[in-house]
Amino acid sequence: MTKLLTGIFEHGQIKINTPLHFAEHQKVLIAVIVDNSDPSGLLIAQAAQESKSFNFLNDSKEDIYSIADGEDV
């Protein structure tokens, strides 16, 4: 499932304008596009959502990394 949401960054946190109804501990993938009053970023995100471009992320075979991979930056 893909949802396109809007929000605002305040006091070091992103506050989403839409209530989310996910199961507790539901894993989510978050992509942030900064809106600088240029609608092109939002249009690109909407086009990607409608074209199902990111559906491959729902395939468990694509999840090749674990929390133990990599190092903190």
N, C-alpha and C. Protein backbone atom coordinates (compact mmCIF):
# COMPACT_ATOMS: atom_id res chain seq x y z
N MET A 1 0.84 -1.17 0.00
CA MET A 1 0.00 0.00 0.00
C MET A 1 0.90 1.24 0.00
N THR A 2 0.52 2.24 -0.76
CA THR A 2 1.25 3.50 -0.80
C THR A 2 0.30 4.63 -0.47
N LYS A 3 0.73 5.52 0.40
CA LYS A 3 -0.06 6.70 0.75
C LYS A 3 0.80 7.92 0.52
N LEU A 4 0.23 8.95 -0.05
CA LEU A 4 0.92 10.21 -0.22
C LEU A 4 0.32 11.19 0.78
N LEU A 5 1.15 11.67 1.70
CA LEU A 5 0.68 12.52 2.79
C LEU A 5 1.38 13.86 2.76
N THR A 6 0.81 14.83 3.42
CA THR A 6 1.47 16.12 3.60
C THR A 6 1.68 16.35 5.09
N GLY A 7 2.61 17.20 5.40
CA GLY A 7 2.89 17.50 6.80
C GLY A 7 3.73 18.76 6.90
N ILE A 8 4.17 19.03 8.12
CA ILE A 8 4.99 20.21 8.37
C ILE A 8 6.08 19.82 9.36
N PHE A 9 7.25 20.42 9.20
CA PHE A 9 8.38 20.16 10.10
C PHE A 9 8.37 21.24 11.18
N GLU A 10 8.22 20.82 12.44
CA GLU A 10 8.19 21.74 13.58
C GLU A 10 8.99 21.17 14.73
N HIS A 11 9.86 21.97 15.29
CA HIS A 11 10.60 21.59 16.49
C HIS A 11 11.31 20.24 16.33
N GLY A 12 11.90 20.01 15.15
CA GLY A 12 12.67 18.80 14.94
C GLY A 12 11.85 17.57 14.61
N GLN A 13 10.55 17.73 14.38
CA GLN A 13 9.71 16.57 14.07
C GLN A 13 8.82 16.88 12.87
N ILE A 14 8.52 15.86 12.10
CA ILE A 14 7.56 16.00 11.01
C ILE A 14 6.19 15.65 11.56
N LYS A 15 5.26 16.58 11.43
CA LYS A 15 3.88 16.36 11.88
C LYS A 15 3.01 16.17 10.64
N ILE A 16 2.40 15.00 10.53
CA ILE A 16 1.61 14.63 9.37
C ILE A 16 0.20 15.19 9.53
N ASN A 17 -0.34 15.74 8.43
CA ASN A 17 -1.66 16.38 8.47
C ASN A 17 -2.81 15.40 8.40
N THR A 18 -2.54 14.15 8.09
CA THR A 18 -3.59 13.14 7.91
C THR A 18 -3.44 12.06 8.97
N PRO A 19 -4.55 11.67 9.64
CA PRO A 19 -4.44 10.56 10.60
C PRO A 19 -4.03 9.27 9.89
N LEU A 20 -3.18 8.50 10.55
CA LEU A 20 -2.74 7.22 9.99
C LEU A 20 -3.40 6.09 10.76
N HIS A 21 -3.83 5.09 10.03
CA HIS A 21 -4.51 3.94 10.66
C HIS A 21 -3.74 2.67 10.33
N PHE A 22 -2.56 2.54 10.92
CA PHE A 22 -1.74 1.37 10.72
C PHE A 22 -1.81 0.49 11.96
N ALA A 23 -1.48 -0.78 11.79
CA ALA A 23 -1.39 -1.68 12.93
C ALA A 23 -0.18 -1.29 13.77
N GLU A 24 -0.26 -1.51 15.05
CA GLU A 24 0.86 -1.23 15.95
C GLU A 24 2.10 -1.98 15.46
N HIS A 25 3.23 -1.33 15.43
CA HIS A 25 4.52 -1.87 14.99
C HIS A 25 4.56 -2.18 13.50
N GLN A 26 3.62 -1.63 12.72
CA GLN A 26 3.63 -1.81 11.27
C GLN A 26 4.88 -1.15 10.70
N LYS A 27 5.62 -1.88 9.87
CA LYS A 27 6.80 -1.30 9.22
C LYS A 27 6.33 -0.38 8.10
N VAL A 28 6.96 0.77 7.97
CA VAL A 28 6.65 1.71 6.90
C VAL A 28 7.95 2.19 6.27
N LEU A 29 7.88 2.58 5.03
CA LEU A 29 9.01 3.18 4.32
C LEU A 29 8.62 4.62 4.07
N ILE A 30 9.49 5.54 4.46
CA ILE A 30 9.16 6.96 4.38
C ILE A 30 10.11 7.66 3.41
N ALA A 31 9.56 8.38 2.47
CA ALA A 31 10.34 9.22 1.55
C ALA A 31 9.90 10.66 1.81
N VAL A 32 10.84 11.56 1.97
CA VAL A 32 10.51 12.95 2.26
C VAL A 32 10.86 13.80 1.05
N ILE A 33 9.89 14.55 0.57
CA ILE A 33 10.09 15.51 -0.52
C ILE A 33 9.77 16.88 0.05
N VAL A 34 10.75 17.79 0.02
CA VAL A 34 10.55 19.12 0.59
C VAL A 34 9.76 19.96 -0.40
N ASP A 35 8.68 20.57 0.08
CA ASP A 35 7.82 21.42 -0.74
C ASP A 35 8.30 22.86 -0.62
N ASN A 36 8.91 23.37 -1.66
CA ASN A 36 9.36 24.77 -1.69
C ASN A 36 8.45 25.59 -2.59
N SER A 37 7.16 25.39 -2.47
CA SER A 37 6.15 26.05 -3.29
C SER A 37 6.31 25.73 -4.77
N ASP A 38 7.05 24.68 -5.08
CA ASP A 38 7.19 24.19 -6.44
C ASP A 38 6.46 22.85 -6.48
N PRO A 39 5.32 22.79 -7.15
CA PRO A 39 4.51 21.57 -7.11
C PRO A 39 5.13 20.38 -7.83
N SER A 40 6.27 20.56 -8.50
CA SER A 40 6.82 19.46 -9.29
C SER A 40 7.18 18.25 -8.43
N GLY A 41 7.73 18.46 -7.22
CA GLY A 41 8.05 17.33 -6.34
C GLY A 41 6.82 16.55 -5.96
N LEU A 42 5.74 17.24 -5.64
CA LEU A 42 4.49 16.58 -5.30
C LEU A 42 3.92 15.85 -6.51
N LEU A 43 4.01 16.49 -7.67
CA LEU A 43 3.51 15.84 -8.89
C LEU A 43 4.29 14.58 -9.22
N ILE A 44 5.60 14.62 -9.01
CA ILE A 44 6.42 13.44 -9.25
C ILE A 44 6.03 12.32 -8.29
N ALA A 45 5.84 12.66 -7.01
CA ALA A 45 5.45 11.66 -6.02
C ALA A 45 4.08 11.06 -6.35
N GLN A 46 3.15 11.91 -6.76
CA GLN A 46 1.82 11.41 -7.12
C GLN A 46 1.89 10.51 -8.35
N ALA A 47 2.69 10.89 -9.33
CA ALA A 47 2.84 10.07 -10.53
C ALA A 47 3.46 8.71 -10.18
N ALA A 48 4.45 8.71 -9.30
CA ALA A 48 5.08 7.45 -8.89
C ALA A 48 4.08 6.57 -8.16
N GLN A 49 3.25 7.18 -7.31
CA GLN A 49 2.25 6.42 -6.57
C GLN A 49 1.23 5.81 -7.52
N GLU A 50 0.75 6.59 -8.47
CA GLU A 50 -0.26 6.11 -9.41
C GLU A 50 0.28 5.06 -10.37
N SER A 51 1.57 5.14 -10.70
CA SER A 51 2.15 4.19 -11.64
C SER A 51 2.59 2.89 -10.96
N LYS A 52 2.46 2.83 -9.67
CA LYS A 52 2.86 1.64 -8.90
C LYS A 52 4.36 1.39 -8.99
N SER A 53 5.15 2.45 -9.17
CA SER A 53 6.60 2.33 -9.32
C SER A 53 7.28 1.69 -8.13
N PHE A 54 6.72 1.85 -6.95
CA PHE A 54 7.37 1.35 -5.75
C PHE A 54 6.74 0.05 -5.23
N ASN A 55 5.91 -0.59 -6.02
CA ASN A 55 5.28 -1.84 -5.58
C ASN A 55 6.29 -2.93 -5.26
N PHE A 56 7.46 -2.87 -5.88
CA PHE A 56 8.48 -3.89 -5.61
C PHE A 56 8.88 -3.89 -4.14
N LEU A 57 8.67 -2.79 -3.43
CA LEU A 57 9.03 -2.73 -2.02
C LEU A 57 8.12 -3.60 -1.15
N ASN A 58 6.99 -4.02 -1.67
CA ASN A 58 6.09 -4.91 -0.94
C ASN A 58 6.53 -6.36 -1.03
N ASP A 59 7.50 -6.66 -1.87
CA ASP A 59 8.00 -8.02 -2.05
C ASP A 59 9.08 -8.30 -1.01
N SER A 60 8.86 -9.28 -0.14
CA SER A 60 9.81 -9.57 0.93
C SER A 60 11.19 -9.96 0.39
N LYS A 61 11.27 -10.46 -0.84
CA LYS A 61 12.57 -10.80 -1.43
C LYS A 61 13.42 -9.56 -1.67
N GLU A 62 12.80 -8.38 -1.76
CA GLU A 62 13.53 -7.14 -1.97
C GLU A 62 14.17 -6.62 -0.68
N ASP A 63 13.72 -7.12 0.46
CA ASP A 63 14.23 -6.66 1.76
C ASP A 63 15.49 -7.44 2.09
N ILE A 64 16.62 -6.99 1.52
CA ILE A 64 17.87 -7.75 1.65
C ILE A 64 18.71 -7.29 2.82
N TYR A 65 18.33 -6.24 3.50
CA TYR A 65 19.11 -5.72 4.62
C TYR A 65 18.37 -5.96 5.93
N SER A 66 19.14 -6.04 7.00
CA SER A 66 18.55 -6.17 8.32
C SER A 66 19.03 -5.01 9.18
N ILE A 67 18.49 -4.90 10.38
CA ILE A 67 18.88 -3.84 11.30
C ILE A 67 20.35 -3.96 11.68
N ALA A 68 20.94 -5.15 11.54
CA ALA A 68 22.33 -5.37 11.89
C ALA A 68 23.30 -4.90 10.80
N ASP A 69 22.78 -4.59 9.61
CA ASP A 69 23.63 -4.15 8.50
C ASP A 69 24.01 -2.69 8.68
N GLY A 70 25.21 -2.35 8.23
CA GLY A 70 25.66 -0.97 8.20
C GLY A 70 26.10 -0.45 9.55
N GLU A 71 26.44 0.82 9.55
CA GLU A 71 26.91 1.49 10.76
C GLU A 71 26.15 2.79 10.95
N ASP A 72 26.04 3.24 12.18
CA ASP A 72 25.42 4.53 12.44
C ASP A 72 26.28 5.63 11.83
N VAL A 73 25.63 6.66 11.35
CA VAL A 73 26.36 7.81 10.80
C VAL A 73 26.21 9.01 11.70
